[in-house]
Amino acid sequence: MPFISQAQAAAEGGATAAVGGPGMIGQLVMLGGFVLIFWLLIWRPQSKRAKEHKNLISGLTKGDEVVTTGGILGKVSNVTDEFVTLQVADNMELNFQKGSVAATLPKGTIKAIK
């Protein structure tokens, strides 16, 4: 017979659906695993870097040697709430936002490069 009765098809389809897929608890465990991996690999390191950068910026003082995100080396000559003034050469000072400071350098780095 080329046609299967609807009752027989429904019974077979229902049996395979109940046996084939993962249960609700398995899906929740997988979702929890993905959230844990996301937190460990992405969220936690990013927040750690942001905290370190915030500490770097709050600790800037006059005389520190820094490099900006654009690669400009300079010595801090003035610090305000939002901006930092860098002396990049004799008689040349540039103003930058504090967020553009990428790293502090050890004292004497600028003289060693020149």
Protein backbone atom coordinates (compact mmCIF):
# COMPACT_ATOMS: atom_id res chain seq x y z
CA MET A 1 0.00 0.00 0.00
CA PRO A 2 1.58 3.30 -1.02
CA PHE A 3 -0.14 5.40 1.64
CA ILE A 4 0.44 5.18 5.36
CA SER A 5 -2.49 5.86 7.58
CA GLN A 6 -2.40 9.05 9.54
CA ALA A 7 -2.66 7.27 12.88
CA GLN A 8 0.34 5.08 12.12
CA ALA A 9 2.45 8.06 10.93
CA ALA A 10 1.54 10.10 14.01
CA ALA A 11 2.46 7.23 16.31
CA GLU A 12 5.83 6.72 14.60
CA GLY A 13 6.57 10.46 14.50
CA GLY A 14 5.73 10.92 18.15
CA ALA A 15 7.95 8.04 19.18
CA THR A 16 10.98 9.34 17.29
CA ALA A 17 10.52 12.86 18.61
CA ALA A 18 10.48 11.66 22.21
CA VAL A 19 13.58 9.50 21.82
CA GLY A 20 15.66 11.64 19.40
CA GLY A 21 16.27 15.14 20.89
CA PRO A 22 17.97 16.28 24.09
CA GLY A 23 15.78 17.00 27.06
CA MET A 24 15.12 20.35 28.67
CA ILE A 25 17.80 19.82 31.34
CA GLY A 26 20.40 18.99 28.70
CA GLN A 27 19.58 22.19 26.84
CA LEU A 28 19.87 24.24 30.04
CA VAL A 29 23.25 22.66 30.83
CA MET A 30 24.50 23.51 27.32
CA LEU A 31 23.24 27.10 27.64
CA GLY A 32 24.92 27.42 31.04
CA GLY A 33 28.15 26.06 29.56
CA PHE A 34 28.07 28.64 26.77
CA VAL A 35 27.47 31.46 29.25
CA LEU A 36 30.37 30.24 31.41
CA ILE A 37 32.73 30.04 28.42
CA PHE A 38 31.63 33.51 27.25
CA TRP A 39 32.31 34.94 30.70
CA LEU A 40 35.71 33.28 31.07
CA LEU A 41 37.02 34.05 27.58
CA ILE A 42 35.51 37.44 26.77
CA TRP A 43 33.87 39.36 29.60
CA ARG A 44 36.38 38.78 32.42
CA PRO A 45 39.60 39.66 30.51
CA GLN A 46 37.97 42.73 28.97
CA SER A 47 36.83 44.09 32.33
CA LYS A 48 40.29 43.38 33.78
CA ARG A 49 41.97 45.40 30.99
CA ALA A 50 39.48 48.25 31.44
CA LYS A 51 40.19 48.35 35.19
CA GLU A 52 43.98 48.42 34.58
CA HIS A 53 43.59 51.25 32.03
CA LYS A 54 41.42 53.24 34.45
CA ASN A 55 44.08 52.86 37.15
CA LEU A 56 46.78 53.92 34.68
CA ILE A 57 44.89 57.07 33.73
CA SER A 58 44.01 58.01 37.30
CA GLY A 59 47.66 57.64 38.32
CA LEU A 60 49.12 60.04 35.72
CA THR A 61 51.32 62.73 37.23
CA LYS A 62 53.55 65.47 35.93
CA GLY A 63 56.85 64.09 34.67
CA ASP A 64 55.55 60.64 33.64
CA GLU A 65 56.68 59.43 30.24
CA VAL A 66 53.81 57.97 28.23
CA VAL A 67 52.87 56.72 24.79
CA THR A 68 49.47 57.47 23.23
CA THR A 69 47.30 55.13 21.21
CA GLY A 70 48.54 56.97 18.12
CA GLY A 71 52.14 56.12 18.99
CA ILE A 72 53.25 59.58 20.16
CA LEU A 73 55.82 59.61 22.96
CA GLY A 74 55.84 62.45 25.41
CA LYS A 75 56.39 63.62 28.93
CA VAL A 76 53.36 64.71 30.94
CA SER A 77 53.53 68.43 31.67
CA ASN A 78 49.98 69.03 32.90
CA VAL A 79 47.05 66.86 33.97
CA THR A 80 43.42 68.01 34.22
CA ASP A 81 40.20 66.08 34.81
CA GLU A 82 39.73 65.11 31.15
CA PHE A 83 42.92 66.10 29.34
CA VAL A 84 46.65 65.59 29.61
CA THR A 85 49.30 67.85 28.10
CA LEU A 86 52.36 66.10 26.69
CA GLN A 87 55.67 67.71 25.89
CA VAL A 88 56.70 65.91 22.70
CA ALA A 89 59.69 68.14 21.81
CA ASP A 90 61.37 71.32 23.03
CA ASN A 91 58.78 74.12 22.95
CA MET A 92 56.06 71.79 21.65
CA GLU A 93 53.18 70.61 23.80
CA LEU A 94 50.11 68.69 22.65
CA ASN A 95 46.81 68.18 24.44
CA PHE A 96 45.25 64.72 24.50
CA GLN A 97 42.24 63.17 26.12
CA LYS A 98 43.25 60.98 29.03
CA GLY A 99 41.73 57.94 27.35
CA SER A 100 44.22 58.17 24.51
CA VAL A 101 47.15 57.37 26.81
CA ALA A 102 48.02 53.73 26.11
CA ALA A 103 50.90 53.06 28.51
CA THR A 104 53.44 54.64 30.81
CA LEU A 105 57.12 54.15 30.09
CA PRO A 106 60.07 53.81 32.44
CA LYS A 107 61.87 57.06 33.27
CA GLY A 108 64.55 57.95 30.72
CA THR A 109 62.97 56.12 27.80
CA ILE A 110 62.57 59.26 25.71
CA LYS A 111 66.23 60.22 26.19
CA ALA A 112 67.33 56.69 25.30
CA ILE A 113 65.37 56.82 22.02
CA LYS A 114 66.72 60.23 20.90
